[in-house]
Amino acid sequence: MKNIMNKVIAAMIMMAIAYAMPATADNHKNVISGRRDHAVVVNNHRSPAGHDIHKKPVYRPDIKTCIVKVSRHTPHKYAVAKAKRVRGVMDTKWNPHTRELKIRYDAHMTSARNIKHAVA
């Protein structure tokens, strides 16, 4: 019984560590140039996100994520609404501290360039 509890605790600790690790997006390299009212794609990479009907993680190469930096003059609700209107966008997540919008999309239906054009 004690051995099983140790394994359960170790598994919970490993899950907590994996969940709490910060994502590295190299944000210091992507600086917004002079204009104030535009969006910049900060990170565009493949996401292994997606689940099948049995809730097992599935690698889907057609699902990608991009992070769009939103101007301080643009209300985030408008940026989220514009991103959700693009065909192929699956999910959006707003980060108020960095003013970035993380967008998951289907690469077969749209691209990061189309999303940036719609949000900007």
C-alpha atoms as a PDB file:
ATOM      1  CA  MET A   1       0.000   0.000   0.000  1.00  0.00           C
ATOM      2  CA  LYS A   2       2.828   2.367   0.893  1.00  0.00           C
ATOM      3  CA  ASN A   3       4.598   1.636  -2.415  1.00  0.00           C
ATOM      4  CA  ILE A   4       1.457   2.484  -4.414  1.00  0.00           C
ATOM      5  CA  MET A   5       0.997   5.779  -2.543  1.00  0.00           C
ATOM      6  CA  ASN A   6       4.624   6.733  -3.266  1.00  0.00           C
ATOM      7  CA  LYS A   7       4.059   6.079  -6.973  1.00  0.00           C
ATOM      8  CA  VAL A   8       0.865   8.149  -6.971  1.00  0.00           C
ATOM      9  CA  ILE A   9       2.592  11.050  -5.209  1.00  0.00           C
ATOM     10  CA  ALA A  10       5.548  10.885  -7.602  1.00  0.00           C
ATOM     11  CA  ALA A  11       3.196  10.905 -10.599  1.00  0.00           C
ATOM     12  CA  MET A  12       1.321  13.933  -9.216  1.00  0.00           C
ATOM     13  CA  ILE A  13       4.593  15.810  -8.651  1.00  0.00           C
ATOM     14  CA  MET A  14       5.759  15.071 -12.201  1.00  0.00           C
ATOM     15  CA  MET A  15       2.435  16.302 -13.615  1.00  0.00           C
ATOM     16  CA  ALA A  16       2.662  19.498 -11.556  1.00  0.00           C
ATOM     17  CA  ILE A  17       6.216  20.156 -12.751  1.00  0.00           C
ATOM     18  CA  ALA A  18       5.307  19.546 -16.387  1.00  0.00           C
ATOM     19  CA  TYR A  19       2.272  21.856 -16.124  1.00  0.00           C
ATOM     20  CA  ALA A  20       4.126  24.671 -14.362  1.00  0.00           C
ATOM     21  CA  MET A  21       7.079  24.907 -16.784  1.00  0.00           C
ATOM     22  CA  PRO A  22       7.024  28.240 -18.649  1.00  0.00           C
ATOM     23  CA  ALA A  23       6.896  28.249 -22.425  1.00  0.00           C
ATOM     24  CA  THR A  24       9.885  29.752 -24.178  1.00  0.00           C
ATOM     25  CA  ALA A  25       8.725  31.969 -26.994  1.00  0.00           C
ATOM     26  CA  ASP A  26      11.808  34.161 -27.581  1.00  0.00           C
ATOM     27  CA  ASN A  27       9.665  37.240 -27.013  1.00  0.00           C
ATOM     28  CA  HIS A  28      12.677  39.492 -26.517  1.00  0.00           C
ATOM     29  CA  LYS A  29      13.588  39.199 -30.209  1.00  0.00           C
ATOM     30  CA  ASN A  30      10.201  40.265 -31.543  1.00  0.00           C
ATOM     31  CA  VAL A  31       9.739  43.925 -30.741  1.00  0.00           C
ATOM     32  CA  ILE A  32       6.946  46.011 -32.171  1.00  0.00           C
ATOM     33  CA  SER A  33       8.370  48.681 -34.420  1.00  0.00           C
ATOM     34  CA  GLY A  34       7.191  52.300 -34.454  1.00  0.00           C
ATOM     35  CA  ARG A  35       3.502  51.691 -35.255  1.00  0.00           C
ATOM     36  CA  ARG A  36       1.132  51.284 -32.358  1.00  0.00           C
ATOM     37  CA  ASP A  37      -2.022  49.899 -33.938  1.00  0.00           C
ATOM     38  CA  HIS A  38      -0.969  46.595 -35.453  1.00  0.00           C
ATOM     39  CA  ALA A  39      -0.450  42.984 -34.435  1.00  0.00           C
ATOM     40  CA  VAL A  40       2.763  40.954 -34.610  1.00  0.00           C
ATOM     41  CA  VAL A  41       2.988  37.162 -34.746  1.00  0.00           C
ATOM     42  CA  VAL A  42       5.380  36.352 -31.923  1.00  0.00           C
ATOM     43  CA  ASN A  43       5.558  32.582 -32.128  1.00  0.00           C
ATOM     44  CA  ASN A  44       4.323  30.149 -34.750  1.00  0.00           C
ATOM     45  CA  HIS A  45       4.935  26.487 -33.954  1.00  0.00           C
ATOM     46  CA  ARG A  46       3.236  23.129 -34.075  1.00  0.00           C
ATOM     47  CA  SER A  47       1.150  22.096 -31.110  1.00  0.00           C
ATOM     48  CA  PRO A  48       0.720  18.449 -30.119  1.00  0.00           C
ATOM     49  CA  ALA A  49      -2.687  19.424 -28.754  1.00  0.00           C
ATOM     50  CA  GLY A  50      -5.853  17.569 -29.569  1.00  0.00           C
ATOM     51  CA  HIS A  51      -7.702  14.641 -28.122  1.00  0.00           C
ATOM     52  CA  ASP A  52      -9.633  11.805 -29.610  1.00  0.00           C
ATOM     53  CA  ILE A  53     -12.963  10.566 -28.275  1.00  0.00           C
ATOM     54  CA  HIS A  54     -11.238   8.417 -25.644  1.00  0.00           C
ATOM     55  CA  LYS A  55      -9.328  11.413 -24.178  1.00  0.00           C
ATOM     56  CA  LYS A  56      -5.924  10.059 -25.172  1.00  0.00           C
ATOM     57  CA  PRO A  57      -3.426  12.672 -26.369  1.00  0.00           C
ATOM     58  CA  VAL A  58      -3.008  12.571 -30.126  1.00  0.00           C
ATOM     59  CA  TYR A  59      -0.308  14.228 -32.206  1.00  0.00           C
ATOM     60  CA  ARG A  60      -1.987  16.253 -34.918  1.00  0.00           C
ATOM     61  CA  PRO A  61       0.493  17.994 -37.218  1.00  0.00           C
ATOM     62  CA  ASP A  62      -2.282  20.063 -38.806  1.00  0.00           C
ATOM     63  CA  ILE A  63      -3.032  21.834 -35.479  1.00  0.00           C
ATOM     64  CA  LYS A  64      -0.703  24.788 -34.915  1.00  0.00           C
ATOM     65  CA  THR A  65      -0.526  27.701 -32.517  1.00  0.00           C
ATOM     66  CA  CYS A  66       0.514  31.266 -33.038  1.00  0.00           C
ATOM     67  CA  ILE A  67       0.852  34.092 -30.562  1.00  0.00           C
ATOM     68  CA  VAL A  68      -0.299  37.517 -31.700  1.00  0.00           C
ATOM     69  CA  LYS A  69       0.815  40.644 -29.847  1.00  0.00           C
ATOM     70  CA  VAL A  70      -2.163  43.001 -29.555  1.00  0.00           C
ATOM     71  CA  SER A  71      -1.724  46.767 -29.465  1.00  0.00           C
ATOM     72  CA  ARG A  72      -2.580  48.607 -26.276  1.00  0.00           C
ATOM     73  CA  HIS A  73      -5.004  50.756 -28.283  1.00  0.00           C
ATOM     74  CA  THR A  74      -7.047  47.757 -29.431  1.00  0.00           C
ATOM     75  CA  PRO A  75      -9.521  46.295 -26.910  1.00  0.00           C
ATOM     76  CA  HIS A  76      -8.752  42.601 -26.421  1.00  0.00           C
ATOM     77  CA  LYS A  77     -12.416  41.626 -26.826  1.00  0.00           C
ATOM     78  CA  TYR A  78     -12.373  42.894 -30.404  1.00  0.00           C
ATOM     79  CA  ALA A  79      -9.147  41.057 -31.184  1.00  0.00           C
ATOM     80  CA  VAL A  80     -10.542  37.797 -29.754  1.00  0.00           C
ATOM     81  CA  ALA A  81     -13.797  38.216 -31.693  1.00  0.00           C
ATOM     82  CA  LYS A  82     -11.932  38.908 -34.947  1.00  0.00           C
ATOM     83  CA  ALA A  83      -9.690  35.871 -34.441  1.00  0.00           C
ATOM     84  CA  LYS A  84     -12.639  33.578 -33.716  1.00  0.00           C
ATOM     85  CA  ARG A  85     -14.340  34.671 -36.949  1.00  0.00           C
ATOM     86  CA  VAL A  86     -11.481  33.266 -39.052  1.00  0.00           C
ATOM     87  CA  ARG A  87     -12.323  29.872 -40.531  1.00  0.00           C
ATOM     88  CA  GLY A  88     -10.061  27.226 -38.992  1.00  0.00           C
ATOM     89  CA  VAL A  89      -9.440  28.907 -35.618  1.00  0.00           C
ATOM     90  CA  MET A  90     -10.192  26.418 -32.859  1.00  0.00           C
ATOM     91  CA  ASP A  91      -9.306  28.174 -29.617  1.00  0.00           C
ATOM     92  CA  THR A  92      -8.076  31.528 -28.320  1.00  0.00           C
ATOM     93  CA  LYS A  93      -6.536  32.445 -24.992  1.00  0.00           C
ATOM     94  CA  TRP A  94      -5.888  36.026 -23.857  1.00  0.00           C
ATOM     95  CA  ASN A  95      -2.933  36.916 -21.610  1.00  0.00           C
ATOM     96  CA  PRO A  96      -3.561  40.368 -20.079  1.00  0.00           C
ATOM     97  CA  HIS A  97      -0.064  40.751 -18.608  1.00  0.00           C
ATOM     98  CA  THR A  98       1.778  40.413 -21.926  1.00  0.00           C
ATOM     99  CA  ARG A  99      -1.189  41.552 -24.110  1.00  0.00           C
ATOM    100  CA  GLU A 100      -0.773  38.460 -26.256  1.00  0.00           C
ATOM    101  CA  LEU A 101      -3.451  36.334 -27.855  1.00  0.00           C
ATOM    102  CA  LYS A 102      -2.594  32.628 -28.180  1.00  0.00           C
ATOM    103  CA  ILE A 103      -4.511  31.100 -31.079  1.00  0.00           C
ATOM    104  CA  ARG A 104      -4.836  27.400 -31.959  1.00  0.00           C
ATOM    105  CA  TYR A 105      -5.802  26.811 -35.571  1.00  0.00           C
ATOM    106  CA  ASP A 106      -6.044  24.145 -38.241  1.00  0.00           C
ATOM    107  CA  ALA A 107      -3.161  24.633 -40.697  1.00  0.00           C
ATOM    108  CA  HIS A 108      -5.128  23.047 -43.546  1.00  0.00           C
ATOM    109  CA  MET A 109      -7.796  25.760 -43.332  1.00  0.00           C
ATOM    110  CA  THR A 110      -5.838  28.920 -42.500  1.00  0.00           C
ATOM    111  CA  SER A 111      -2.374  30.242 -41.709  1.00  0.00           C
ATOM    112  CA  ALA A 112      -0.763  32.520 -39.136  1.00  0.00           C
ATOM    113  CA  ARG A 113      -0.526  35.206 -41.801  1.00  0.00           C
ATOM    114  CA  ASN A 114      -4.298  35.143 -42.417  1.00  0.00           C
ATOM    115  CA  ILE A 115      -5.006  35.290 -38.689  1.00  0.00           C
ATOM    116  CA  LYS A 116      -2.620  38.226 -38.211  1.00  0.00           C
ATOM    117  CA  HIS A 117      -4.272  40.030 -41.125  1.00  0.00           C
ATOM    118  CA  ALA A 118      -7.734  39.486 -39.594  1.00  0.00           C
ATOM    119  CA  VAL A 119      -6.728  40.595 -36.081  1.00  0.00           C
ATOM    120  CA  ALA A 120      -4.672  43.640 -37.101  1.00  0.00           C
END
